């Protein structure tokens, strides 16, 4: 008998979370250290000549995530910061995520290749997070990716890539997998709900004795709060509002909202600030009631529910209201996931928890497929370095 054929691991392991406020990802090689990437949510149709004109002079000077664009089957799209800053694209929150996810995945693969300094050819193992309500759409992405990956256009030229594995998980799935690893067999004896509240949606997964349901999704993300504030004010944009609201948190002092004013006199600007603060206070109450009412409808009864896991950037903003909602049920914030310091350079914090949790599972699964004793030892050493920053 001849020697068994050597199996080559993928060039990169890529895990992506298509949040409404931005694409969050973790990329690594089988033996390398993980890196985080973030891209704005915008995607814009553009011509090849226009894209080349706007990016060629910036290659090597700008971060790849800020000049990302891709072309496939004769269609070209600017993605992320380039789409937002140079093509005035909007976040596309009304569209299903898979419709823009195709271009975001291609762009993220190119960005990851640039960050890892890999050659244009190679392979990728891909894991994705999608809202439970759009989870079935993941199968629509697979044939699109298989058709495009062998040859697609990027700022550095034609890129060729093959897909070694492809998995999709509902939002909250990374948090849940990490939690299962923490509690072990206890998950098979408990009823646990995972609540994810992001910028675009809120979603719920319920695990009954280790069996996870299909999940539920609603459009009650942070964007709904922003819409309520805009209904009560005038002349404000969603982008400026969400930044100010997030920065203020529970501190409703004028300093957080002064930059949103446009009046010419001090007194008029103060009046504008007062109106904004009042609008946010009223809207936050209305939004919290709508969200907690929806949760009451879709969650198991308090008598049945053993524990609640709450995650997402908007969940942090509503921490007080959500804790009040579950006074009788133990709450584990972000499933106990801790973000390694080396992954938090962009200060995404808990917004990385879901994708980091899934990345740990995804990378371990890929490594197990290729690991010998030497690779396994490298993995243990790497995990220790990651956790300690």
Protein backbone atom coordinates (compact mmCIF):
# COMPACT_ATOMS: atom_id res chain seq x y z
CA UNK A 1 0.00 0.00 0.00
CA UNK A 2 1.18 3.53 -0.83
CA UNK A 3 1.26 6.40 1.57
CA UNK A 4 -2.09 8.12 2.19
CA UNK A 5 -2.51 11.33 0.23
CA UNK A 6 -1.50 14.36 2.28
CA UNK A 7 -4.48 16.59 3.08
CA UNK A 8 -3.66 20.28 2.78
CA UNK A 9 -5.37 22.58 5.32
CA UNK A 10 -7.18 25.71 4.11
CA UNK A 11 -5.13 28.86 3.62
CA UNK A 12 -7.49 30.74 5.93
CA UNK A 13 -10.23 30.06 8.46
CA UNK A 14 -12.82 32.85 8.24
CA UNK A 15 -15.81 33.44 10.52
CA UNK A 16 -18.25 36.30 9.73
CA UNK A 17 -21.16 37.99 11.48
CA UNK A 18 -23.36 40.15 9.19
CA UNK A 19 -24.54 42.70 11.74
CA UNK A 20 -26.66 45.64 10.64
CA UNK A 21 -24.10 48.05 12.08
CA UNK A 22 -21.20 46.36 10.32
CA UNK A 23 -19.53 43.14 9.23
CA UNK A 24 -17.50 41.60 12.03
CA UNK A 25 -15.06 38.77 11.41
CA UNK A 26 -12.26 36.63 12.79
CA UNK A 27 -9.62 35.33 10.40
CA UNK A 28 -6.67 33.03 11.03
CA UNK A 29 -4.53 30.35 9.46
CA UNK A 30 -4.41 26.83 10.88
CA UNK A 31 -1.19 27.62 12.75
CA UNK A 32 -1.51 31.40 13.06
CA UNK A 33 -2.93 33.91 15.47
CA UNK A 34 -6.51 35.12 14.97
CA UNK A 35 -7.18 38.68 13.80
CA UNK A 36 -10.41 40.66 13.95
CA UNK A 37 -11.79 42.58 10.99
CA UNK A 38 -14.61 45.08 10.78
CA UNK A 39 -16.27 46.61 7.72
CA UNK A 40 -19.11 49.11 7.49
CA UNK A 41 -22.42 47.55 6.32
CA UNK A 42 -22.79 49.47 3.05
CA UNK A 43 -22.61 47.85 -0.39
CA UNK A 44 -22.86 49.89 -3.61
CA UNK A 45 -23.07 49.09 -7.32
CA UNK A 46 -20.22 50.73 -9.24
CA UNK A 47 -18.29 50.44 -12.49
CA UNK A 48 -14.88 48.79 -12.65
CA UNK A 49 -13.21 51.97 -13.96
CA UNK A 50 -14.68 54.06 -11.14
CA UNK A 51 -13.58 51.57 -8.48
CA UNK A 52 -10.06 51.40 -9.88
CA UNK A 53 -9.83 55.17 -10.08
CA UNK A 54 -10.83 55.57 -6.42
CA UNK A 55 -8.54 52.89 -5.00
CA UNK A 56 -5.43 52.30 -7.12
CA UNK A 57 -3.45 55.17 -5.60
CA UNK A 58 -4.30 54.01 -2.07
CA UNK A 59 -3.15 50.38 -2.38
CA UNK A 60 -0.56 49.67 0.27
CA UNK A 61 -1.28 52.93 2.09
CA UNK A 62 -4.82 52.35 3.39
CA UNK A 63 -6.10 49.40 5.38
CA UNK A 64 -7.62 46.88 2.94
CA UNK A 65 -11.00 47.00 4.70
CA UNK A 66 -11.25 50.71 3.79
CA UNK A 67 -10.73 50.27 0.04
CA UNK A 68 -12.52 46.96 -0.55
CA UNK A 69 -14.43 46.20 -3.72
CA UNK A 70 -15.13 43.03 -5.70
CA UNK A 71 -16.35 41.94 -9.10
CA UNK A 72 -18.06 38.68 -10.03
CA UNK A 73 -19.99 37.62 -13.14
CA UNK A 74 -19.61 41.10 -14.62
CA UNK A 75 -21.09 42.89 -11.57
CA UNK A 76 -18.96 45.16 -9.39
CA UNK A 77 -19.62 46.37 -5.86
CA UNK A 78 -17.89 48.72 -3.44
CA UNK A 79 -18.09 47.27 0.07
CA UNK A 80 -17.85 48.85 3.52
CA UNK A 81 -16.15 52.20 4.06
CA UNK A 82 -15.50 52.71 0.35
CA UNK A 83 -19.21 52.27 -0.45
CA UNK A 84 -20.26 54.59 2.37
CA UNK A 85 -17.67 57.34 1.85
CA UNK A 86 -17.26 57.48 -1.92
CA UNK A 87 -20.61 56.18 -3.24
CA UNK A 88 -23.01 57.45 -0.56
CA UNK A 89 -24.45 53.98 -0.09
CA UNK A 90 -26.94 53.24 2.69
CA UNK A 91 -26.75 50.27 5.07
CA UNK A 92 -29.55 48.43 3.23
CA UNK A 93 -31.30 47.39 6.41
CA UNK A 94 -34.55 46.65 4.57
CA UNK A 95 -32.94 44.00 2.37
CA UNK A 96 -32.30 40.43 3.45
CA UNK A 97 -28.73 39.99 4.58
CA UNK A 98 -27.87 37.25 2.08
CA UNK A 99 -28.48 39.64 -0.84
CA UNK A 100 -25.47 41.76 0.11
CA UNK A 101 -23.68 39.01 2.06
CA UNK A 102 -22.38 37.48 -1.17
CA UNK A 103 -20.31 40.57 -2.00
CA UNK A 104 -19.34 41.09 1.63
CA UNK A 105 -17.97 37.55 1.83
CA UNK A 106 -15.88 38.01 -1.32
CA UNK A 107 -14.60 41.35 0.00
CA UNK A 108 -13.83 39.87 3.42
CA UNK A 109 -11.87 37.03 1.82
CA UNK A 110 -9.74 39.58 -0.04
CA UNK A 111 -9.30 41.72 3.09
CA UNK A 112 -8.35 38.63 5.10
CA UNK A 113 -5.84 37.58 2.45
CA UNK A 114 -4.26 41.03 2.59
CA UNK A 115 -4.15 41.10 6.39
CA UNK A 116 -2.56 37.63 6.52
CA UNK A 117 -0.25 38.45 3.57
CA UNK A 118 -1.31 35.33 1.67
CA UNK A 119 -0.94 34.72 -2.09
CA UNK A 120 -3.96 35.26 -4.38
CA UNK A 121 -4.64 31.54 -4.82
CA UNK A 122 -5.70 29.40 -1.90
CA UNK A 123 -8.63 27.98 -0.01
CA UNK A 124 -10.97 29.11 2.75
CA UNK A 125 -13.04 27.43 5.43
CA UNK A 126 -16.07 29.62 6.02
CA UNK A 127 -18.53 29.89 8.92
CA UNK A 128 -21.33 32.49 8.94
CA UNK A 129 -23.86 33.93 11.39
CA UNK A 130 -27.30 34.91 10.05
CA UNK A 131 -30.58 35.90 11.76
CA UNK A 132 -32.81 32.88 12.51
CA UNK A 133 -35.46 34.36 10.24
CA UNK A 134 -32.99 34.33 7.32
CA UNK A 135 -31.16 31.12 8.20
CA UNK A 136 -32.73 29.14 5.35
CA UNK A 137 -31.32 31.71 2.90
CA UNK A 138 -27.83 30.42 3.70
CA UNK A 139 -28.33 27.69 1.12
CA UNK A 140 -28.85 30.35 -1.54
CA UNK A 141 -25.38 31.71 -0.84
CA UNK A 142 -23.50 28.46 -1.32
CA UNK A 143 -23.95 27.99 -5.10
CA UNK A 144 -23.26 31.71 -5.63
CA UNK A 145 -19.97 31.42 -3.76
CA UNK A 146 -18.94 28.20 -5.50
CA UNK A 147 -19.51 29.86 -8.87
CA UNK A 148 -17.63 33.08 -8.00
CA UNK A 149 -14.68 31.99 -5.87
CA UNK A 150 -12.60 30.37 -8.64
CA UNK A 151 -12.23 33.79 -10.28
CA UNK A 152 -13.30 37.16 -8.90
CA UNK A 153 -11.87 40.66 -9.25
CA UNK A 154 -10.36 42.64 -6.36
CA UNK A 155 -8.32 45.86 -5.96
CA UNK A 156 -5.11 43.82 -6.36
CA UNK A 157 -6.28 41.87 -9.40
CA UNK A 158 -7.97 38.56 -10.09
CA UNK A 159 -8.24 36.26 -7.07
CA UNK A 160 -8.88 32.54 -7.13
CA UNK A 161 -10.09 30.67 -4.08
CA UNK A 162 -11.70 27.33 -3.27
CA UNK A 163 -14.13 26.54 -0.48
CA UNK A 164 -13.04 23.67 1.77
CA UNK A 165 -15.99 23.87 4.14
CA UNK A 166 -19.09 26.02 4.62
CA UNK A 167 -21.34 26.25 7.67
CA UNK A 168 -24.03 28.70 8.70
CA UNK A 169 -25.37 29.29 12.19
CA UNK A 170 -28.19 31.45 13.54
CA UNK A 171 -27.28 34.64 15.39
CA UNK A 172 -26.44 33.74 18.97
CA UNK A 173 -25.01 30.42 17.77
CA UNK A 174 -21.43 31.35 18.63
CA UNK A 175 -22.44 32.44 22.12
CA UNK A 176 -24.42 29.21 22.57
CA UNK A 177 -21.57 26.94 21.42
CA UNK A 178 -19.17 28.68 23.81
CA UNK A 179 -21.70 28.32 26.64
CA UNK A 180 -22.14 24.60 25.92
CA UNK A 181 -18.39 24.15 26.21
CA UNK A 182 -18.45 25.91 29.59
CA UNK A 183 -21.33 23.98 31.19
CA UNK A 184 -20.79 20.57 29.59
CA UNK A 185 -23.46 17.96 30.31
CA UNK A 186 -25.61 20.48 32.20
CA UNK A 187 -26.92 21.82 28.89
CA UNK A 188 -28.74 18.50 28.37
CA UNK A 189 -30.74 19.03 31.55
CA UNK A 190 -31.68 22.70 31.11
CA UNK A 191 -33.93 25.04 29.15
CA UNK A 192 -31.82 28.00 28.05
CA UNK A 193 -32.75 30.98 25.86
CA UNK A 194 -30.19 32.99 23.89
CA UNK A 195 -31.38 36.56 23.23
CA UNK A 196 -29.42 38.61 20.68
CA UNK A 197 -30.22 42.31 20.26
CA UNK A 198 -28.27 44.12 17.57
CA UNK A 199 -28.63 47.17 15.40
CA UNK A 200 -31.02 45.65 12.87
CA UNK A 201 -32.84 42.77 14.62
CA UNK A 202 -33.52 41.02 17.84
CA UNK A 203 -33.56 37.23 17.82
CA UNK A 204 -34.14 34.33 20.17
CA UNK A 205 -32.83 30.77 20.20
CA UNK A 206 -34.19 28.28 22.73
CA UNK A 207 -32.29 25.15 23.78
CA UNK A 208 -34.41 22.51 25.48
CA UNK A 209 -32.18 19.82 26.97
CA UNK A 210 -29.56 20.50 24.31
CA UNK A 211 -32.01 20.56 21.39
CA UNK A 212 -32.03 24.00 19.74
CA UNK A 213 -35.14 25.31 17.97
CA UNK A 214 -35.14 27.24 14.68
CA UNK A 215 -35.27 30.56 16.47
CA UNK A 216 -37.34 33.71 16.05
CA UNK A 217 -36.41 37.14 14.68
CA UNK A 218 -38.00 40.59 14.82
CA UNK A 219 -36.96 43.99 13.47
CA UNK A 220 -36.72 45.46 16.99
CA UNK A 221 -33.02 46.26 16.87
CA UNK A 222 -31.43 49.60 17.79
CA UNK A 223 -32.60 50.98 14.46
CA UNK A 224 -36.17 50.97 15.80
CA UNK A 225 -35.14 53.22 18.71
CA UNK A 226 -33.40 55.56 16.26
CA UNK A 227 -36.56 55.70 14.11
CA UNK A 228 -38.66 56.63 17.14
CA UNK A 229 -36.26 59.45 18.04
CA UNK A 230 -36.33 60.76 14.47
CA UNK A 231 -40.13 60.82 14.56
CA UNK A 232 -39.92 63.15 17.58
CA UNK A 233 -37.20 65.44 16.20
CA UNK A 234 -36.16 66.99 12.88
CA UNK A 235 -32.99 67.37 10.84
CA UNK A 236 -31.15 64.41 12.38
CA UNK A 237 -29.64 61.44 10.53
CA UNK A 238 -29.73 57.86 11.73
CA UNK A 239 -25.94 57.65 11.54
CA UNK A 240 -25.32 60.67 13.77
CA UNK A 241 -28.05 59.70 16.20
CA UNK A 242 -26.97 56.12 16.80
CA UNK A 243 -23.40 57.23 17.53
CA UNK A 244 -24.55 59.83 20.05
CA UNK A 245 -27.06 57.49 21.70
CA UNK A 246 -24.50 54.71 22.04
CA UNK A 247 -21.85 57.06 23.40
CA UNK A 248 -24.24 58.52 25.96
CA UNK A 249 -25.62 55.23 27.25
CA UNK A 250 -27.39 56.00 30.51
CA UNK A 251 -25.71 59.40 30.83
CA UNK A 252 -28.23 61.79 29.26
CA UNK A 253 -26.16 64.92 29.74
CA UNK A 254 -25.99 67.62 27.09
CA UNK A 255 -22.32 67.04 26.18
CA UNK A 256 -23.21 63.90 24.18
CA UNK A 257 -25.72 65.66 21.93
CA UNK A 258 -24.29 69.15 21.44
CA UNK A 259 -22.65 68.16 18.15
CA UNK A 260 -26.07 67.22 16.72
CA UNK A 261 -27.37 70.78 16.93
CA UNK A 262 -27.41 73.22 14.01
CA UNK A 263 -28.84 76.46 15.40
CA UNK A 264 -26.71 79.61 15.33
CA UNK A 265 -27.28 80.82 18.91
CA UNK A 266 -26.34 79.23 22.21
CA UNK A 267 -29.89 79.40 23.53
CA UNK A 268 -31.37 77.80 20.43
CA UNK A 269 -28.77 75.03 20.47
CA UNK A 270 -29.55 74.33 24.11
CA UNK A 271 -33.23 74.08 23.23
CA UNK A 272 -32.36 71.58 20.49
CA UNK A 273 -30.33 69.47 22.94
CA UNK A 274 -33.19 69.47 25.44
CA UNK A 275 -35.59 68.30 22.76
CA UNK A 276 -33.23 65.51 21.65
CA UNK A 277 -32.74 64.29 25.22
CA UNK A 278 -36.50 64.27 25.83
CA UNK A 279 -37.07 62.41 22.54
CA UNK A 280 -34.48 59.75 23.40
CA UNK A 281 -35.90 59.25 26.89
CA UNK A 282 -39.45 58.80 25.58
CA UNK A 283 -38.31 56.61 22.69
CA UNK A 284 -36.15 54.40 24.86
CA UNK A 285 -39.10 53.65 27.13
CA UNK A 286 -41.35 52.91 24.14
CA UNK A 287 -38.70 50.74 22.49
CA UNK A 288 -37.93 48.79 25.66
CA UNK A 289 -41.63 48.03 26.17
CA UNK A 290 -41.98 46.80 22.58
CA UNK A 291 -38.89 44.59 22.84
CA UNK A 292 -39.70 43.06 26.23
CA UNK A 293 -43.31 42.46 25.13
CA UNK A 294 -42.07 40.54 22.11
CA UNK A 295 -39.71 38.52 24.29
CA UNK A 296 -42.58 37.62 26.61
CA UNK A 297 -44.46 36.22 23.61
CA UNK A 298 -41.70 34.05 22.14
CA UNK A 299 -39.81 32.81 25.21
CA UNK A 300 -40.74 29.75 27.29
CA UNK A 301 -42.63 30.45 30.50
CA UNK A 302 -40.68 31.63 33.53
CA UNK A 303 -41.44 28.32 35.22
CA UNK A 304 -39.84 26.38 32.35
CA UNK A 305 -36.86 28.66 31.67
CA UNK A 306 -33.73 27.84 33.67
CA UNK A 307 -31.37 30.49 32.32
CA UNK A 308 -31.20 33.38 29.87
CA UNK A 309 -28.14 34.38 27.85
CA UNK A 310 -28.28 37.97 26.57
CA UNK A 311 -25.87 39.34 23.96
CA UNK A 312 -25.43 42.06 21.35
CA UNK A 313 -24.38 45.70 21.38
CA UNK A 314 -27.93 47.01 21.75
CA UNK A 315 -28.53 44.59 24.62
CA UNK A 316 -25.70 46.31 26.49
CA UNK A 317 -27.46 49.64 25.97
CA UNK A 318 -30.69 48.20 27.44
CA UNK A 319 -28.95 46.24 30.20
CA UNK A 320 -31.02 47.75 33.00
CA UNK A 321 -34.35 47.15 31.26
CA UNK A 322 -33.43 43.58 30.30
CA UNK A 323 -32.18 42.72 33.78
CA UNK A 324 -35.48 44.04 35.17
CA UNK A 325 -37.35 41.85 32.67
CA UNK A 326 -35.66 38.70 33.98
CA UNK A 327 -35.55 39.30 37.73
CA UNK A 328 -36.79 35.76 38.40
CA UNK A 329 -34.42 34.05 35.93
CA UNK A 330 -30.60 33.82 36.08
CA UNK A 331 -29.00 35.94 33.32
CA UNK A 332 -25.58 35.26 31.78
CA UNK A 333 -24.42 38.31 29.83
CA UNK A 334 -22.74 37.42 26.52
CA UNK A 335 -22.63 33.78 27.59
CA UNK A 336 -19.52 34.43 29.65
CA UNK A 337 -17.47 35.05 26.48
CA UNK A 338 -14.38 37.17 27.10
CA UNK A 339 -12.82 38.99 24.15
CA UNK A 340 -9.02 38.62 24.07
CA UNK A 341 -7.31 42.03 24.21
CA UNK A 342 -5.43 41.44 20.95
CA UNK A 343 -8.76 41.16 19.09
CA UNK A 344 -10.22 44.36 20.52
CA UNK A 345 -8.05 46.93 18.74
CA UNK A 346 -11.15 48.52 17.19
CA UNK A 347 -12.97 48.64 20.54
CA UNK A 348 -15.83 46.44 19.35
CA UNK A 349 -15.94 44.77 22.75
CA UNK A 350 -18.98 42.57 23.34
CA UNK A 351 -20.10 43.06 19.72
CA UNK A 352 -17.40 40.50 18.85
CA UNK A 353 -18.65 37.91 21.34
CA UNK A 354 -20.87 35.94 18.97
CA UNK A 355 -18.39 35.78 16.09
CA UNK A 356 -15.49 35.06 18.46
CA UNK A 357 -17.43 32.23 20.08
CA UNK A 358 -18.23 30.72 16.68
CA UNK A 359 -14.65 31.26 15.50
CA UNK A 360 -13.28 29.23 18.40
CA UNK A 361 -15.60 26.35 17.50
CA UNK A 362 -14.96 26.70 13.76
CA UNK A 363 -11.17 26.83 14.05
CA UNK A 364 -11.04 23.89 16.46
CA UNK A 365 -13.17 21.83 14.07
CA UNK A 366 -10.93 22.68 11.10
CA UNK A 367 -7.75 21.95 13.05
CA UNK A 368 -9.12 18.62 14.23
CA UNK A 369 -9.45 17.60 10.58
CA UNK A 370 -5.75 18.21 9.93
CA UNK A 371 -4.11 18.05 13.36
CA UNK A 372 -1.28 15.71 14.22
CA UNK A 373 0.53 15.85 17.51
CA UNK A 374 2.72 18.80 16.49
CA UNK A 375 -0.21 20.87 15.23
CA UNK A 376 -2.22 20.08 18.35
CA UNK A 377 0.63 21.33 20.57
CA UNK A 378 0.86 24.54 18.52
CA UNK A 379 -2.90 25.02 18.96
CA UNK A 380 -2.71 24.75 22.76
CA UNK A 381 0.15 27.27 22.84
CA UNK A 382 -1.70 29.64 20.51
CA UNK A 383 -4.93 29.53 22.56
CA UNK A 384 -2.98 30.44 25.68
CA UNK A 385 -1.42 33.46 23.95
CA UNK A 386 -4.82 34.60 22.58
CA UNK A 387 -6.56 34.42 25.93
CA UNK A 388 -3.78 36.34 27.66
CA UNK A 389 -3.59 38.99 24.93
